[in-house]
Amino acid sequence: MRRFTALCAAATITLSALVVVSPAQAAFHLIRWDGTRICQVWDDSLPTRPWPSDYRNVSRPHASLASVLAIKDSMLKRGRCSL
């Protein structure tokens, strides 16, 4: 039992070190649907693309959801997106 506990602890420490060392990935960006001009936050970590494909990326990728929501809010205020 002690060996198993030690093995789990070593695996946890190793995975934690890998997470800390790996660079942060930009996971979110804002898309705008062409027909309706509705803006939507899209998560790039999803294995699929938005469907249908009549959309346009309107922001660069960001690491945090909060920063993309701030961009969406400013675009709504300027009239570049609709609800």
C-alpha atoms as a PDB file:
ATOM      1  CA  MET A   1       0.000   0.000   0.000  1.00  0.00           C
ATOM      2  CA  ARG A   2       2.857   2.374   0.762  1.00  0.00           C
ATOM      3  CA  ARG A   3       4.380   1.773  -2.664  1.00  0.00           C
ATOM      4  CA  PHE A   4       1.086   2.611  -4.358  1.00  0.00           C
ATOM      5  CA  THR A   5       0.750   5.821  -2.344  1.00  0.00           C
ATOM      6  CA  ALA A   6       4.318   6.800  -3.175  1.00  0.00           C
ATOM      7  CA  LEU A   7       3.718   6.071  -6.851  1.00  0.00           C
ATOM      8  CA  CYS A   8       0.570   8.235  -6.868  1.00  0.00           C
ATOM      9  CA  ALA A   9       2.422  11.066  -5.123  1.00  0.00           C
ATOM     10  CA  ALA A  10       5.293  10.895  -7.628  1.00  0.00           C
ATOM     11  CA  ALA A  11       2.885  10.881 -10.567  1.00  0.00           C
ATOM     12  CA  THR A  12       1.013  13.889  -9.169  1.00  0.00           C
ATOM     13  CA  ILE A  13       4.205  15.875  -8.663  1.00  0.00           C
ATOM     14  CA  THR A  14       5.399  15.018 -12.180  1.00  0.00           C
ATOM     15  CA  LEU A  15       2.109  16.052 -13.796  1.00  0.00           C
ATOM     16  CA  SER A  16       2.057  19.262 -11.763  1.00  0.00           C
ATOM     17  CA  ALA A  17       5.547  20.123 -12.973  1.00  0.00           C
ATOM     18  CA  LEU A  18       4.530  19.516 -16.591  1.00  0.00           C
ATOM     19  CA  VAL A  19       1.508  21.771 -16.255  1.00  0.00           C
ATOM     20  CA  VAL A  20       3.592  24.575 -14.772  1.00  0.00           C
ATOM     21  CA  VAL A  21       6.275  24.288 -17.464  1.00  0.00           C
ATOM     22  CA  SER A  22       3.895  24.093 -20.447  1.00  0.00           C
ATOM     23  CA  PRO A  23       3.065  27.468 -22.005  1.00  0.00           C
ATOM     24  CA  ALA A  24      -0.404  28.947 -21.695  1.00  0.00           C
ATOM     25  CA  GLN A  25      -2.519  28.391 -24.767  1.00  0.00           C
ATOM     26  CA  ALA A  26      -4.832  30.983 -26.206  1.00  0.00           C
ATOM     27  CA  ALA A  27      -8.125  29.171 -26.038  1.00  0.00           C
ATOM     28  CA  PHE A  28     -10.857  31.724 -26.839  1.00  0.00           C
ATOM     29  CA  HIS A  29     -11.680  34.108 -29.664  1.00  0.00           C
ATOM     30  CA  LEU A  30     -14.691  36.059 -30.840  1.00  0.00           C
ATOM     31  CA  ILE A  31     -16.554  35.100 -34.011  1.00  0.00           C
ATOM     32  CA  ARG A  32     -19.307  36.984 -35.852  1.00  0.00           C
ATOM     33  CA  TRP A  33     -21.938  35.179 -37.897  1.00  0.00           C
ATOM     34  CA  ASP A  34     -22.248  36.784 -41.350  1.00  0.00           C
ATOM     35  CA  GLY A  35     -26.025  36.513 -41.801  1.00  0.00           C
ATOM     36  CA  THR A  36     -27.105  37.836 -38.407  1.00  0.00           C
ATOM     37  CA  ARG A  37     -23.991  39.759 -37.239  1.00  0.00           C
ATOM     38  CA  ILE A  38     -24.339  38.044 -33.848  1.00  0.00           C
ATOM     39  CA  CYS A  39     -21.037  37.768 -31.995  1.00  0.00           C
ATOM     40  CA  GLN A  40     -20.186  34.640 -30.045  1.00  0.00           C
ATOM     41  CA  VAL A  41     -17.238  33.530 -27.955  1.00  0.00           C
ATOM     42  CA  TRP A  42     -15.711  30.359 -29.370  1.00  0.00           C
ATOM     43  CA  ASP A  43     -13.541  27.944 -27.391  1.00  0.00           C
ATOM     44  CA  ASP A  44     -10.600  26.804 -29.531  1.00  0.00           C
ATOM     45  CA  SER A  45     -10.008  23.755 -27.367  1.00  0.00           C
ATOM     46  CA  LEU A  46     -13.129  22.152 -28.859  1.00  0.00           C
ATOM     47  CA  PRO A  47     -12.199  19.603 -31.520  1.00  0.00           C
ATOM     48  CA  THR A  48     -14.742  20.995 -34.012  1.00  0.00           C
ATOM     49  CA  ARG A  49     -15.277  24.230 -35.900  1.00  0.00           C
ATOM     50  CA  PRO A  50     -18.487  26.288 -35.729  1.00  0.00           C
ATOM     51  CA  TRP A  51     -21.267  25.153 -38.026  1.00  0.00           C
ATOM     52  CA  PRO A  52     -22.480  26.462 -40.421  1.00  0.00           C
ATOM     53  CA  SER A  53     -19.269  27.964 -41.700  1.00  0.00           C
ATOM     54  CA  ASP A  54     -20.635  31.457 -42.431  1.00  0.00           C
ATOM     55  CA  TYR A  55     -18.691  33.148 -39.658  1.00  0.00           C
ATOM     56  CA  ARG A  56     -15.646  35.399 -39.390  1.00  0.00           C
ATOM     57  CA  ASN A  57     -13.028  35.654 -36.646  1.00  0.00           C
ATOM     58  CA  VAL A  58     -13.200  39.199 -35.282  1.00  0.00           C
ATOM     59  CA  SER A  59     -10.583  38.963 -32.517  1.00  0.00           C
ATOM     60  CA  ARG A  60      -7.233  37.398 -32.011  1.00  0.00           C
ATOM     61  CA  PRO A  61      -7.031  34.361 -29.693  1.00  0.00           C
ATOM     62  CA  HIS A  62      -6.976  35.121 -25.945  1.00  0.00           C
ATOM     63  CA  ALA A  63      -6.087  32.967 -22.970  1.00  0.00           C
ATOM     64  CA  SER A  64      -8.926  34.121 -20.737  1.00  0.00           C
ATOM     65  CA  LEU A  65     -12.655  34.164 -21.242  1.00  0.00           C
ATOM     66  CA  ALA A  66     -12.930  37.490 -19.417  1.00  0.00           C
ATOM     67  CA  SER A  67     -10.776  39.312 -21.967  1.00  0.00           C
ATOM     68  CA  VAL A  68     -12.856  38.033 -24.896  1.00  0.00           C
ATOM     69  CA  LEU A  69     -16.085  38.990 -23.111  1.00  0.00           C
ATOM     70  CA  ALA A  70     -14.687  42.511 -22.652  1.00  0.00           C
ATOM     71  CA  ILE A  71     -13.995  42.706 -26.395  1.00  0.00           C
ATOM     72  CA  LYS A  72     -17.514  41.476 -27.136  1.00  0.00           C
ATOM     73  CA  ASP A  73     -18.970  44.122 -24.816  1.00  0.00           C
ATOM     74  CA  SER A  74     -17.027  46.919 -26.509  1.00  0.00           C
ATOM     75  CA  MET A  75     -18.080  45.698 -29.975  1.00  0.00           C
ATOM     76  CA  LEU A  76     -21.717  45.610 -28.848  1.00  0.00           C
ATOM     77  CA  LYS A  77     -21.440  49.204 -27.594  1.00  0.00           C
ATOM     78  CA  ARG A  78     -19.911  50.351 -30.908  1.00  0.00           C
ATOM     79  CA  GLY A  79     -22.606  48.578 -32.926  1.00  0.00           C
ATOM     80  CA  ARG A  80     -20.249  46.157 -34.649  1.00  0.00           C
ATOM     81  CA  CYS A  81     -22.118  43.154 -33.199  1.00  0.00           C
ATOM     82  CA  SER A  82     -25.727  42.459 -32.411  1.00  0.00           C
ATOM     83  CA  LEU A  83     -27.307  40.357 -29.722  1.00  0.00           C
END
